[in-house]
Structure formats: C-alpha cells, structure tokens
Amino acid sequence: AQQGQSYVVTSGTGSGKSLTYFLPIIDSLLRNPPSGDRVSALVVYPMNALVNSQVQALEKLKQGYESRMGRAFPISFSKYTGETSDSTRGELRNQPPQIMLTNYVMAELMLVRPEDQRFLDRAGGGLRHLVFDELHTYRGRQGADVAMLIRRLKERCAAPNLIHVGTSATMVSGPSATPLQRREAVAGFAQRLFGH
C-alpha cells in the first residue's frame, strides 16, 4: 500500500483485514489531502451488515484518536446504503465524505442517479482507493456484473494511480495447492475482477 500498488489480503475472519486498507487510506489522505469535495476512497461490501460493522470500527478509531489527541478526527467517512435516511443522503450530497462505505448495488446507483453522480468523479483528483471486501462472493453472474461495475467506476472517477484492494477470509485455490499456487490463484481472480 505504501508503494502505491494494488493488493489482495486473504486472512481469517477477525484477523484485522480491514486495517490493511483503512490505515493506508487514512495515511494517504493525511499526507496528500484531496483538493475537492468528492469521495477519495470507496469501500464496497456485499452486505449492509458488514458496512454497519465497519462504520462502527471507524467510529471507534475516530473516538480513540479524538480522546488521545484532543482534536477532531481529520478524515470524514460515512456509509451510504439503502438504510441511509433521506436527510442524511442530502447532507452527504452537499458534503461528500472522503471515505464512503457502501454495497455494490448502491455503488451502481451512484453512477446512474443524477443526484448521486457528484460523489464519484475526477474533481479533486478522483477516486484513489477502490476496495472490495469479501472477494470470494463475486463469482458467476454476480461476479461478472460487479466486474463491469468496477470498470464503469474506474472510467468515471479513477485517479491516475488508483489502488485496487481486495480482501477475503475464504478464498482458496485447492486443498493440495502450494502457497505459491494459492497466491497465483487469488491474484488471477483479483486481476480478472478489477481489470488491473
């Protein structure tokens, strides 16, 4: 992440995979603040329950920072799902967060709904980080749909050096595969999904 390269993290549930993208995203935003008011990092989950869980984790990180430092957390973040109220949606449209957590259905809607298109464009430098959690869920027809969504997102709003990040707790290539074969299988899948 510090080298600006895309990556995939496969590790067990509860092992801290989300920190492998949240910390580099926050570090990047602090070191190189965006110049516009657009989303710089889009983090996509397959289910709202995961979105809600990760928003809580970011809130905890924010509270810890603010209690230790005595000042406001310098990064804005929010969820944007079907559960987001109309009033909150309006607030987010007026002042988009730097980090947006959503699901792939809402990411699709952000591209097509006129009122949501301002979240994702190249203003302010474009989307720097595109994260898809639970990569193993994007297989078959759904995987093809998500791969096309990723390509449309990149076409519309990707920064020149967009970092693609994927995570999974259960992505494996086969029980008898060597560690190298496992890494190659995971990398090949991510390459096809991200088109990168």
N, C-alpha and C. Protein backbone atom coordinates (compact mmCIF):
# COMPACT_ATOMS: atom_id res chain seq x y z
N ALA A 1 0.83 -1.20 0.00
CA ALA A 1 0.00 0.00 0.00
C ALA A 1 0.86 1.26 0.00
N GLN A 2 1.92 1.26 0.78
CA GLN A 2 2.79 2.44 0.83
C GLN A 2 3.52 2.66 -0.48
N GLN A 3 3.69 1.61 -1.26
CA GLN A 3 4.33 1.73 -2.57
C GLN A 3 3.34 2.12 -3.66
N GLY A 4 2.08 2.29 -3.30
CA GLY A 4 1.06 2.67 -4.27
C GLY A 4 0.65 1.54 -5.18
N GLN A 5 0.83 0.31 -4.73
CA GLN A 5 0.47 -0.85 -5.54
C GLN A 5 -0.85 -1.44 -5.06
N SER A 6 -1.59 -2.03 -5.99
CA SER A 6 -2.82 -2.73 -5.65
C SER A 6 -2.47 -4.05 -4.96
N TYR A 7 -3.40 -4.55 -4.13
CA TYR A 7 -3.10 -5.77 -3.39
C TYR A 7 -4.38 -6.48 -2.95
N VAL A 8 -4.20 -7.75 -2.59
CA VAL A 8 -5.27 -8.58 -2.06
C VAL A 8 -4.78 -9.15 -0.73
N VAL A 9 -5.67 -9.15 0.27
CA VAL A 9 -5.36 -9.71 1.57
C VAL A 9 -6.30 -10.88 1.82
N THR A 10 -5.73 -12.05 2.06
CA THR A 10 -6.53 -13.21 2.45
C THR A 10 -6.08 -13.62 3.85
N SER A 11 -7.03 -13.62 4.76
CA SER A 11 -6.72 -13.95 6.14
C SER A 11 -8.03 -14.29 6.84
N GLY A 12 -7.93 -14.98 7.96
CA GLY A 12 -9.11 -15.44 8.67
C GLY A 12 -10.00 -14.32 9.17
N THR A 13 -11.25 -14.68 9.43
CA THR A 13 -12.21 -13.74 9.98
C THR A 13 -11.71 -13.20 11.32
N GLY A 14 -11.82 -11.89 11.49
CA GLY A 14 -11.40 -11.26 12.73
C GLY A 14 -9.92 -11.03 12.86
N SER A 15 -9.17 -11.21 11.78
CA SER A 15 -7.71 -11.07 11.85
C SER A 15 -7.22 -9.66 11.59
N GLY A 16 -8.12 -8.73 11.26
CA GLY A 16 -7.71 -7.34 11.03
C GLY A 16 -7.55 -6.95 9.58
N LYS A 17 -8.23 -7.64 8.67
CA LYS A 17 -8.11 -7.31 7.24
C LYS A 17 -8.51 -5.86 6.95
N SER A 18 -9.53 -5.37 7.65
CA SER A 18 -9.99 -4.01 7.36
C SER A 18 -8.91 -2.97 7.67
N LEU A 19 -8.06 -3.24 8.65
CA LEU A 19 -6.98 -2.30 8.94
C LEU A 19 -5.97 -2.23 7.80
N THR A 20 -5.87 -3.30 7.02
CA THR A 20 -4.90 -3.30 5.92
C THR A 20 -5.31 -2.37 4.79
N TYR A 21 -6.55 -1.90 4.80
CA TYR A 21 -6.90 -0.85 3.83
C TYR A 21 -7.29 0.46 4.50
N PHE A 22 -7.93 0.43 5.67
CA PHE A 22 -8.30 1.70 6.30
C PHE A 22 -7.08 2.52 6.71
N LEU A 23 -6.08 1.89 7.29
CA LEU A 23 -4.90 2.66 7.71
C LEU A 23 -4.14 3.26 6.52
N PRO A 24 -3.90 2.51 5.43
CA PRO A 24 -3.26 3.14 4.27
C PRO A 24 -4.11 4.25 3.63
N ILE A 25 -5.43 4.07 3.62
CA ILE A 25 -6.30 5.12 3.07
C ILE A 25 -6.18 6.39 3.91
N ILE A 26 -6.29 6.25 5.22
CA ILE A 26 -6.19 7.41 6.11
C ILE A 26 -4.82 8.06 5.98
N ASP A 27 -3.78 7.25 5.95
CA ASP A 27 -2.42 7.78 5.78
C ASP A 27 -2.30 8.57 4.48
N SER A 28 -2.83 8.04 3.40
CA SER A 28 -2.77 8.71 2.10
C SER A 28 -3.52 10.05 2.13
N LEU A 29 -4.70 10.05 2.76
CA LEU A 29 -5.49 11.29 2.82
C LEU A 29 -4.83 12.34 3.69
N LEU A 30 -4.14 11.91 4.74
CA LEU A 30 -3.45 12.87 5.60
C LEU A 30 -2.21 13.44 4.92
N ARG A 31 -1.46 12.58 4.24
CA ARG A 31 -0.23 13.03 3.58
C ARG A 31 -0.50 13.87 2.34
N ASN A 32 -1.57 13.53 1.62
CA ASN A 32 -1.92 14.23 0.38
C ASN A 32 -3.41 14.53 0.38
N PRO A 33 -3.82 15.57 1.10
CA PRO A 33 -5.26 15.87 1.18
C PRO A 33 -5.84 16.14 -0.21
N PRO A 34 -7.05 15.63 -0.46
CA PRO A 34 -7.69 15.88 -1.75
C PRO A 34 -8.02 17.36 -1.90
N SER A 35 -8.05 17.83 -3.13
CA SER A 35 -8.32 19.24 -3.37
C SER A 35 -9.80 19.54 -3.57
N GLY A 36 -10.61 18.54 -3.77
CA GLY A 36 -12.04 18.76 -4.00
C GLY A 36 -12.89 18.09 -2.95
N ASP A 37 -14.19 18.23 -3.13
CA ASP A 37 -15.13 17.63 -2.17
C ASP A 37 -15.83 16.43 -2.81
N ARG A 38 -15.04 15.43 -3.08
CA ARG A 38 -15.55 14.19 -3.65
C ARG A 38 -15.03 13.02 -2.82
N VAL A 39 -15.60 11.86 -3.07
CA VAL A 39 -15.17 10.64 -2.39
C VAL A 39 -13.79 10.26 -2.93
N SER A 40 -12.83 10.03 -2.02
CA SER A 40 -11.48 9.62 -2.42
C SER A 40 -11.27 8.13 -2.29
N ALA A 41 -12.05 7.49 -1.40
CA ALA A 41 -11.93 6.04 -1.19
C ALA A 41 -13.33 5.45 -1.11
N LEU A 42 -13.59 4.49 -1.98
CA LEU A 42 -14.87 3.79 -1.99
C LEU A 42 -14.62 2.37 -1.52
N VAL A 43 -15.30 1.99 -0.43
CA VAL A 43 -15.14 0.67 0.17
C VAL A 43 -16.47 -0.06 0.02
N VAL A 44 -16.45 -1.16 -0.73
CA VAL A 44 -17.67 -1.85 -1.12
C VAL A 44 -17.75 -3.21 -0.43
N TYR A 45 -18.89 -3.46 0.18
CA TYR A 45 -19.15 -4.71 0.90
C TYR A 45 -20.32 -5.42 0.24
N PRO A 46 -20.39 -6.74 0.36
CA PRO A 46 -21.51 -7.45 -0.25
C PRO A 46 -22.82 -7.33 0.55
N MET A 47 -22.73 -6.93 1.83
CA MET A 47 -23.94 -6.86 2.67
C MET A 47 -23.90 -5.63 3.57
N ASN A 48 -25.10 -5.08 3.86
CA ASN A 48 -25.18 -3.92 4.74
C ASN A 48 -24.67 -4.21 6.14
N ALA A 49 -24.82 -5.44 6.61
CA ALA A 49 -24.34 -5.78 7.96
C ALA A 49 -22.83 -5.53 8.06
N LEU A 50 -22.09 -5.83 7.00
CA LEU A 50 -20.64 -5.57 7.00
C LEU A 50 -20.36 -4.08 6.95
N VAL A 51 -21.14 -3.33 6.18
CA VAL A 51 -20.99 -1.87 6.14
C VAL A 51 -21.16 -1.31 7.54
N ASN A 52 -22.25 -1.71 8.20
CA ASN A 52 -22.54 -1.19 9.55
C ASN A 52 -21.44 -1.54 10.54
N SER A 53 -20.93 -2.76 10.45
CA SER A 53 -19.86 -3.19 11.34
C SER A 53 -18.60 -2.36 11.14
N GLN A 54 -18.27 -2.07 9.90
CA GLN A 54 -17.05 -1.32 9.63
C GLN A 54 -17.19 0.16 9.96
N VAL A 55 -18.40 0.70 9.82
CA VAL A 55 -18.63 2.09 10.26
C VAL A 55 -18.41 2.18 11.76
N GLN A 56 -18.88 1.17 12.50
CA GLN A 56 -18.65 1.15 13.94
C GLN A 56 -17.15 1.08 14.27
N ALA A 57 -16.41 0.29 13.49
CA ALA A 57 -14.96 0.20 13.71
C ALA A 57 -14.28 1.54 13.45
N LEU A 58 -14.70 2.25 12.40
CA LEU A 58 -14.13 3.57 12.12
C LEU A 58 -14.52 4.57 13.20
N GLU A 59 -15.74 4.48 13.70
CA GLU A 59 -16.17 5.36 14.80
C GLU A 59 -15.30 5.15 16.03
N LYS A 60 -14.99 3.90 16.30
CA LYS A 60 -14.13 3.58 17.45
C LYS A 60 -12.72 4.16 17.24
N LEU A 61 -12.20 4.03 16.03
CA LEU A 61 -10.90 4.60 15.69
C LEU A 61 -10.93 6.12 15.86
N LYS A 62 -12.01 6.74 15.38
CA LYS A 62 -12.17 8.19 15.49
C LYS A 62 -12.22 8.63 16.95
N GLN A 63 -13.02 7.94 17.77
CA GLN A 63 -13.13 8.29 19.18
C GLN A 63 -11.79 8.14 19.90
N GLY A 64 -11.05 7.07 19.59
CA GLY A 64 -9.74 6.89 20.20
C GLY A 64 -8.79 8.01 19.83
N TYR A 65 -8.80 8.40 18.57
CA TYR A 65 -7.95 9.49 18.10
C TYR A 65 -8.31 10.79 18.84
N GLU A 66 -9.60 11.09 18.87
CA GLU A 66 -10.04 12.36 19.46
C GLU A 66 -9.76 12.43 20.96
N SER A 67 -9.90 11.28 21.65
CA SER A 67 -9.62 11.31 23.09
C SER A 67 -8.11 11.43 23.36
N ARG A 68 -7.29 10.82 22.51
CA ARG A 68 -5.83 10.91 22.70
C ARG A 68 -5.28 12.26 22.26
N MET A 69 -5.78 12.78 21.13
CA MET A 69 -5.20 13.98 20.54
C MET A 69 -5.87 15.27 20.99
N GLY A 70 -7.10 15.19 21.48
CA GLY A 70 -7.81 16.39 21.91
C GLY A 70 -8.26 17.26 20.76
N ARG A 71 -8.42 16.68 19.59
CA ARG A 71 -8.92 17.44 18.43
C ARG A 71 -9.73 16.51 17.53
N ALA A 72 -10.43 17.12 16.61
CA ALA A 72 -11.32 16.37 15.72
C ALA A 72 -10.54 15.42 14.81
N PHE A 73 -11.14 14.28 14.54
CA PHE A 73 -10.56 13.33 13.60
C PHE A 73 -10.48 14.01 12.23
N PRO A 74 -9.33 13.96 11.57
CA PRO A 74 -9.13 14.76 10.35
C PRO A 74 -9.71 14.15 9.07
N ILE A 75 -10.32 12.98 9.15
CA ILE A 75 -10.84 12.31 7.96
C ILE A 75 -12.35 12.13 8.10
N SER A 76 -13.07 12.41 7.03
CA SER A 76 -14.52 12.20 7.06
C SER A 76 -14.86 10.87 6.42
N PHE A 77 -15.86 10.20 6.99
CA PHE A 77 -16.31 8.92 6.46
C PHE A 77 -17.80 8.77 6.74
N SER A 78 -18.45 7.96 5.94
CA SER A 78 -19.87 7.70 6.14
C SER A 78 -20.28 6.48 5.35
N LYS A 79 -21.39 5.90 5.76
CA LYS A 79 -21.97 4.82 4.97
C LYS A 79 -23.03 5.40 4.05
N TYR A 80 -23.27 4.71 2.96
CA TYR A 80 -24.31 5.12 2.01
C TYR A 80 -24.95 3.84 1.48
N THR A 81 -26.06 3.46 2.12
CA THR A 81 -26.75 2.24 1.75
C THR A 81 -28.24 2.55 1.64
N GLY A 82 -29.04 1.53 1.34
CA GLY A 82 -30.48 1.70 1.31
C GLY A 82 -31.05 2.08 2.66
N GLU A 83 -30.29 1.86 3.73
CA GLU A 83 -30.73 2.21 5.08
C GLU A 83 -30.47 3.67 5.42
N THR A 84 -29.71 4.38 4.59
CA THR A 84 -29.38 5.78 4.85
C THR A 84 -30.62 6.65 4.65
N SER A 85 -30.94 7.47 5.65
CA SER A 85 -32.15 8.30 5.58
C SER A 85 -32.02 9.36 4.49
N ASP A 86 -33.17 9.86 4.04
CA ASP A 86 -33.17 10.90 3.00
C ASP A 86 -32.45 12.16 3.46
N SER A 87 -32.63 12.53 4.73
CA SER A 87 -31.96 13.74 5.22
C SER A 87 -30.44 13.56 5.24
N THR A 88 -29.99 12.37 5.66
CA THR A 88 -28.54 12.10 5.66
C THR A 88 -28.01 12.07 4.23
N ARG A 89 -28.76 11.50 3.31
CA ARG A 89 -28.33 11.48 1.90
C ARG A 89 -28.13 12.90 1.39
N GLY A 90 -29.06 13.79 1.74
CA GLY A 90 -28.93 15.19 1.32
C GLY A 90 -27.68 15.83 1.89
N GLU A 91 -27.39 15.56 3.16
CA GLU A 91 -26.19 16.11 3.79
C GLU A 91 -24.93 15.58 3.10
N LEU A 92 -24.94 14.29 2.81
CA LEU A 92 -23.77 13.69 2.16
C LEU A 92 -23.57 14.24 0.75
N ARG A 93 -24.67 14.50 0.05
CA ARG A 93 -24.54 15.08 -1.30
C ARG A 93 -23.95 16.48 -1.25
N ASN A 94 -24.31 17.22 -0.19
CA ASN A 94 -23.76 18.58 -0.04
C ASN A 94 -22.30 18.57 0.38
N GLN A 95 -21.93 17.58 1.18
CA GLN A 95 -20.55 17.48 1.65
C GLN A 95 -20.15 16.01 1.68
N PRO A 96 -19.70 15.48 0.54
CA PRO A 96 -19.34 14.05 0.47
C PRO A 96 -18.19 13.70 1.40
N PRO A 97 -18.25 12.51 1.99
CA PRO A 97 -17.14 12.08 2.86
C PRO A 97 -15.92 11.69 2.03
N GLN A 98 -14.77 11.72 2.66
CA GLN A 98 -13.56 11.28 1.96
C GLN A 98 -13.56 9.77 1.77
N ILE A 99 -14.10 9.05 2.76
CA ILE A 99 -14.22 7.60 2.68
C ILE A 99 -15.70 7.24 2.71
N MET A 100 -16.16 6.55 1.69
CA MET A 100 -17.55 6.11 1.65
C MET A 100 -17.61 4.59 1.69
N LEU A 101 -18.43 4.08 2.60
CA LEU A 101 -18.66 2.64 2.73
C LEU A 101 -20.05 2.35 2.18
N THR A 102 -20.13 1.37 1.30
CA THR A 102 -21.40 1.09 0.65
C THR A 102 -21.45 -0.37 0.23
N ASN A 103 -22.49 -0.71 -0.51
CA ASN A 103 -22.60 -2.04 -1.11
C ASN A 103 -22.59 -1.88 -2.63
N TYR A 104 -22.46 -2.98 -3.35
CA TYR A 104 -22.30 -2.85 -4.80
C TYR A 104 -23.56 -2.35 -5.49
N VAL A 105 -24.74 -2.58 -4.92
CA VAL A 105 -25.98 -2.07 -5.52
C VAL A 105 -25.99 -0.54 -5.45
N MET A 106 -25.64 0.02 -4.29
CA MET A 106 -25.60 1.48 -4.15
C MET A 106 -24.47 2.08 -4.98
N ALA A 107 -23.36 1.38 -5.12
CA ALA A 107 -22.28 1.89 -5.97
C ALA A 107 -22.78 2.03 -7.40
N GLU A 108 -23.57 1.06 -7.84
CA GLU A 108 -24.18 1.13 -9.17
C GLU A 108 -25.10 2.34 -9.27
N LEU A 109 -25.93 2.55 -8.25
CA LEU A 109 -26.86 3.67 -8.28
C LEU A 109 -26.14 5.01 -8.27
N MET A 110 -24.97 5.08 -7.62
CA MET A 110 -24.20 6.33 -7.61
C MET A 110 -23.76 6.72 -9.01
N LEU A 111 -23.63 5.75 -9.88
CA LEU A 111 -23.23 6.05 -11.24
C LEU A 111 -24.39 6.52 -12.11
N VAL A 112 -25.61 6.08 -11.77
CA VAL A 112 -26.74 6.36 -12.67
C VAL A 112 -27.73 7.39 -12.14
N ARG A 113 -27.85 7.55 -10.83
CA ARG A 113 -28.79 8.55 -10.30
C ARG A 113 -28.16 9.93 -10.40
N PRO A 114 -28.82 10.84 -11.10
CA PRO A 114 -28.22 12.18 -11.27
C PRO A 114 -27.84 12.85 -9.96
N GLU A 115 -28.67 12.72 -8.92
CA GLU A 115 -28.38 13.39 -7.65
C GLU A 115 -27.19 12.78 -6.92
N ASP A 116 -26.80 11.56 -7.28
CA ASP A 116 -25.68 10.90 -6.61
C ASP A 116 -24.39 10.93 -7.43
N GLN A 117 -24.46 11.38 -8.66
CA GLN A 117 -23.27 11.33 -9.51
C GLN A 117 -22.15 12.23 -9.02
N ARG A 118 -22.47 13.23 -8.23
CA ARG A 118 -21.41 14.13 -7.76
C ARG A 118 -20.48 13.46 -6.76
N PHE A 119 -20.89 12.33 -6.17
CA PHE A 119 -20.00 11.61 -5.26
C PHE A 119 -18.74 11.15 -5.97
N LEU A 120 -18.92 10.68 -7.19
CA LEU A 120 -17.83 9.98 -7.89
C LEU A 120 -17.52 10.63 -9.23
N ASP A 121 -16.53 11.48 -9.24
CA ASP A 121 -15.98 11.98 -10.49
C ASP A 121 -14.53 12.36 -10.25
N ARG A 122 -13.89 12.91 -11.23
CA ARG A 122 -12.45 13.18 -11.11
C ARG A 122 -12.13 14.51 -10.44
N ALA A 123 -13.16 15.25 -10.03
CA ALA A 123 -12.91 16.52 -9.32
C ALA A 123 -12.13 16.23 -8.05
N GLY A 124 -11.16 17.05 -7.76
CA GLY A 124 -10.36 16.86 -6.56
C GLY A 124 -9.35 15.74 -6.67
N GLY A 125 -9.14 15.23 -7.87
CA GLY A 125 -8.13 14.20 -8.08
C GLY A 125 -8.69 12.82 -8.37
N GLY A 126 -9.98 12.62 -8.16
CA GLY A 126 -10.58 11.33 -8.48
C GLY A 126 -10.46 10.32 -7.35
N LEU A 127 -11.00 9.15 -7.61
CA LEU A 127 -11.02 8.06 -6.63
C LEU A 127 -9.62 7.47 -6.52
N ARG A 128 -9.06 7.50 -5.31
CA ARG A 128 -7.69 7.00 -5.08
C ARG A 128 -7.64 5.53 -4.67
N HIS A 129 -8.67 5.09 -3.93
CA HIS A 129 -8.71 3.72 -3.42
C HIS A 129 -10.07 3.11 -3.74
N LEU A 130 -10.04 1.93 -4.29
CA LEU A 130 -11.27 1.17 -4.55
C LEU A 130 -11.10 -0.18 -3.87
N VAL A 131 -11.92 -0.41 -2.84
CA VAL A 131 -11.79 -1.61 -2.02
C VAL A 131 -13.04 -2.48 -2.19
N PHE A 132 -12.83 -3.76 -2.43
CA PHE A 132 -13.93 -4.72 -2.43
C PHE A 132 -13.62 -5.78 -1.38
N ASP A 133 -14.46 -5.82 -0.36
CA ASP A 133 -14.32 -6.78 0.71
C ASP A 133 -15.05 -8.07 0.33
N GLU A 134 -14.59 -9.19 0.86
CA GLU A 134 -15.21 -10.49 0.61
C GLU A 134 -15.21 -10.84 -0.88
N LEU A 135 -14.03 -10.76 -1.48
CA LEU A 135 -13.89 -11.01 -2.93
C LEU A 135 -14.51 -12.33 -3.37
N HIS A 136 -14.45 -13.34 -2.51
CA HIS A 136 -14.93 -14.66 -2.90
C HIS A 136 -16.42 -14.68 -3.22
N THR A 137 -17.17 -13.65 -2.79
CA THR A 137 -18.61 -13.62 -3.07
C THR A 137 -18.92 -13.21 -4.50
N TYR A 138 -17.95 -12.66 -5.20
CA TYR A 138 -18.19 -12.14 -6.55
C TYR A 138 -17.79 -13.15 -7.60
N ARG A 139 -18.60 -14.18 -7.72
CA ARG A 139 -18.36 -15.25 -8.70
C ARG A 139 -19.58 -15.38 -9.60
N GLY A 140 -19.41 -16.08 -10.70
CA GLY A 140 -20.53 -16.34 -11.60
C GLY A 140 -21.11 -15.06 -12.18
N ARG A 141 -22.43 -15.05 -12.36
CA ARG A 141 -23.10 -13.89 -12.97
C ARG A 141 -22.90 -12.64 -12.13
N GLN A 142 -23.05 -12.78 -10.79
CA GLN A 142 -22.85 -11.62 -9.93
C GLN A 142 -21.42 -11.09 -10.06
N GLY A 143 -20.46 -11.99 -10.15
CA GLY A 143 -19.07 -11.56 -10.32
C GLY A 143 -18.87 -10.79 -11.61
N ALA A 144 -19.52 -11.25 -12.68
CA ALA A 144 -19.43 -10.54 -13.97
C ALA A 144 -20.06 -9.16 -13.86
N ASP A 145 -21.21 -9.08 -13.20
CA ASP A 145 -21.86 -7.78 -13.01
C ASP A 145 -20.98 -6.82 -12.21
N VAL A 146 -20.38 -7.33 -11.14
CA VAL A 146 -19.52 -6.49 -10.31
C VAL A 146 -18.25 -6.08 -11.07
N ALA A 147 -17.69 -6.99 -11.86
CA ALA A 147 -16.52 -6.64 -12.67
C ALA A 147 -16.84 -5.51 -13.65
N MET A 148 -18.03 -5.55 -14.23
CA MET A 148 -18.44 -4.46 -15.13
C MET A 148 -18.66 -3.16 -14.36
N LEU A 149 -19.23 -3.26 -13.16
CA LEU A 149 -19.40 -2.08 -12.31
C LEU A 149 -18.04 -1.45 -12.01
N ILE A 150 -17.07 -2.27 -11.67
CA ILE A 150 -15.73 -1.76 -11.38
C ILE A 150 -15.17 -1.01 -12.58
N ARG A 151 -15.33 -1.55 -13.75
CA ARG A 151 -14.82 -0.89 -14.95
C ARG A 151 -15.52 0.45 -15.20
N ARG A 152 -16.83 0.51 -14.94
CA ARG A 152 -17.55 1.78 -15.12
C ARG A 152 -17.13 2.80 -14.05
N LEU A 153 -16.93 2.33 -12.82
CA LEU A 153 -16.45 3.22 -11.77
C LEU A 153 -15.09 3.81 -12.15
N LYS A 154 -14.21 2.95 -12.62
CA LYS A 154 -12.87 3.42 -12.99
C LYS A 154 -12.93 4.40 -14.15
N GLU A 155 -13.80 4.12 -15.12
CA GLU A 155 -13.95 5.02 -16.27
C GLU A 155 -14.42 6.40 -15.84
N ARG A 156 -15.32 6.43 -14.89
CA ARG A 156 -15.92 7.70 -14.47
C ARG A 156 -15.04 8.51 -13.52
N CYS A 157 -14.36 7.82 -12.58
CA CYS A 157 -13.80 8.61 -11.48
C CYS A 157 -12.42 8.19 -10.99
N ALA A 158 -11.76 7.27 -11.65
CA ALA A 158 -10.47 6.80 -11.12
C ALA A 158 -9.38 7.85 -11.23
N ALA A 159 -8.62 8.00 -10.15
CA ALA A 159 -7.40 8.80 -10.19
C ALA A 159 -6.38 8.03 -11.03
N PRO A 160 -5.37 8.72 -11.55
CA PRO A 160 -4.38 8.04 -12.40
C PRO A 160 -3.71 6.84 -11.75
N ASN A 161 -3.49 6.88 -10.45
CA ASN A 161 -2.81 5.78 -9.76
C ASN A 161 -3.74 5.09 -8.78
N LEU A 162 -4.95 4.79 -9.21
CA LEU A 162 -5.94 4.14 -8.36
C LEU A 162 -5.37 2.85 -7.75
N ILE A 163 -5.54 2.70 -6.45
CA ILE A 163 -5.12 1.47 -5.77
C ILE A 163 -6.34 0.59 -5.59
N HIS A 164 -6.26 -0.62 -6.13
CA HIS A 164 -7.32 -1.61 -6.01
C HIS A 164 -6.98 -2.51 -4.83
N VAL A 165 -7.96 -2.75 -3.95
CA VAL A 165 -7.73 -3.60 -2.79
C VAL A 165 -8.87 -4.61 -2.70
N GLY A 166 -8.50 -5.85 -2.50
CA GLY A 166 -9.49 -6.90 -2.28
C GLY A 166 -9.15 -7.66 -1.02
N THR A 167 -10.19 -8.13 -0.32
CA THR A 167 -9.97 -8.94 0.87
C THR A 167 -10.89 -10.15 0.83
N SER A 168 -10.46 -11.20 1.51
CA SER A 168 -11.28 -12.39 1.63
C SER A 168 -10.76 -13.26 2.77
N ALA A 169 -11.70 -13.87 3.48
CA ALA A 169 -11.31 -14.81 4.53
C ALA A 169 -11.31 -16.24 4.02
N THR A 170 -11.97 -16.50 2.90
CA THR A 170 -12.16 -17.89 2.49
C THR A 170 -11.72 -18.17 1.06
N MET A 171 -10.98 -17.30 0.44
CA MET A 171 -10.57 -17.53 -0.94
C MET A 171 -9.38 -18.48 -0.98
N VAL A 172 -9.58 -19.64 -1.58
CA VAL A 172 -8.51 -20.63 -1.71
C VAL A 172 -8.56 -21.21 -3.11
N SER A 173 -7.48 -21.86 -3.50
CA SER A 173 -7.40 -22.43 -4.84
C SER A 173 -7.62 -23.93 -4.85
N GLY A 174 -7.32 -24.60 -3.78
CA GLY A 174 -7.49 -26.05 -3.71
C GLY A 174 -6.74 -26.60 -2.52
N PRO A 175 -7.20 -27.72 -1.97
CA PRO A 175 -6.57 -28.23 -0.75
C PRO A 175 -5.13 -28.68 -0.92
N SER A 176 -4.73 -29.09 -2.11
CA SER A 176 -3.36 -29.57 -2.30
C SER A 176 -2.46 -28.53 -2.95
N ALA A 177 -2.95 -27.31 -3.12
CA ALA A 177 -2.15 -26.26 -3.77
C ALA A 177 -1.00 -25.81 -2.87
N THR A 178 0.10 -25.47 -3.50
CA THR A 178 1.24 -24.92 -2.76
C THR A 178 0.94 -23.47 -2.41
N PRO A 179 1.67 -22.89 -1.47
CA PRO A 179 1.46 -21.47 -1.16
C PRO A 179 1.58 -20.57 -2.40
N LEU A 180 2.53 -20.85 -3.27
CA LEU A 180 2.68 -20.06 -4.48
C LEU A 180 1.46 -20.21 -5.38
N GLN A 181 0.96 -21.43 -5.54
CA GLN A 181 -0.22 -21.65 -6.37
C GLN A 181 -1.44 -20.94 -5.78
N ARG A 182 -1.55 -20.92 -4.46
CA ARG A 182 -2.66 -20.20 -3.82
C ARG A 182 -2.58 -18.71 -4.12
N ARG A 183 -1.39 -18.14 -3.94
CA ARG A 183 -1.22 -16.70 -4.22
C ARG A 183 -1.52 -16.39 -5.68
N GLU A 184 -1.06 -17.25 -6.58
CA GLU A 184 -1.31 -17.02 -8.01
C GLU A 184 -2.80 -17.11 -8.33
N ALA A 185 -3.51 -18.05 -7.71
CA ALA A 185 -4.95 -18.19 -7.96
C ALA A 185 -5.71 -16.96 -7.46
N VAL A 186 -5.36 -16.48 -6.27
CA VAL A 186 -6.02 -15.30 -5.71
C VAL A 186 -5.71 -14.07 -6.56
N ALA A 187 -4.44 -13.91 -6.95
CA ALA A 187 -4.05 -12.77 -7.78
C ALA A 187 -4.74 -12.82 -9.14
N GLY A 188 -4.85 -13.99 -9.72
CA GLY A 188 -5.52 -14.13 -11.02
C GLY A 188 -6.99 -13.76 -10.94
N PHE A 189 -7.66 -14.20 -9.87
CA PHE A 189 -9.07 -13.86 -9.69
C PHE A 189 -9.23 -12.35 -9.53
N ALA A 190 -8.41 -11.74 -8.67
CA ALA A 190 -8.49 -10.30 -8.44
C ALA A 190 -8.18 -9.53 -9.72
N GLN A 191 -7.23 -9.99 -10.49
CA GLN A 191 -6.87 -9.32 -11.74
C GLN A 191 -8.07 -9.31 -12.70
N ARG A 192 -8.76 -10.44 -12.80
CA ARG A 192 -9.95 -10.50 -13.67
C ARG A 192 -11.06 -9.61 -13.16
N LEU A 193 -11.29 -9.61 -11.84
CA LEU A 193 -12.37 -8.83 -11.28
C LEU A 193 -12.11 -7.32 -11.42
N PHE A 194 -10.92 -6.89 -11.05
CA PHE A 194 -10.57 -5.47 -11.09
C PHE A 194 -10.16 -4.96 -12.47
N GLY A 195 -9.84 -5.87 -13.39
CA GLY A 195 -9.34 -5.41 -14.69
C GLY A 195 -8.03 -4.67 -14.53
N HIS A 196 -7.20 -5.16 -13.61
CA HIS A 196 -5.93 -4.47 -13.30
C HIS A 196 -4.90 -5.50 -12.89
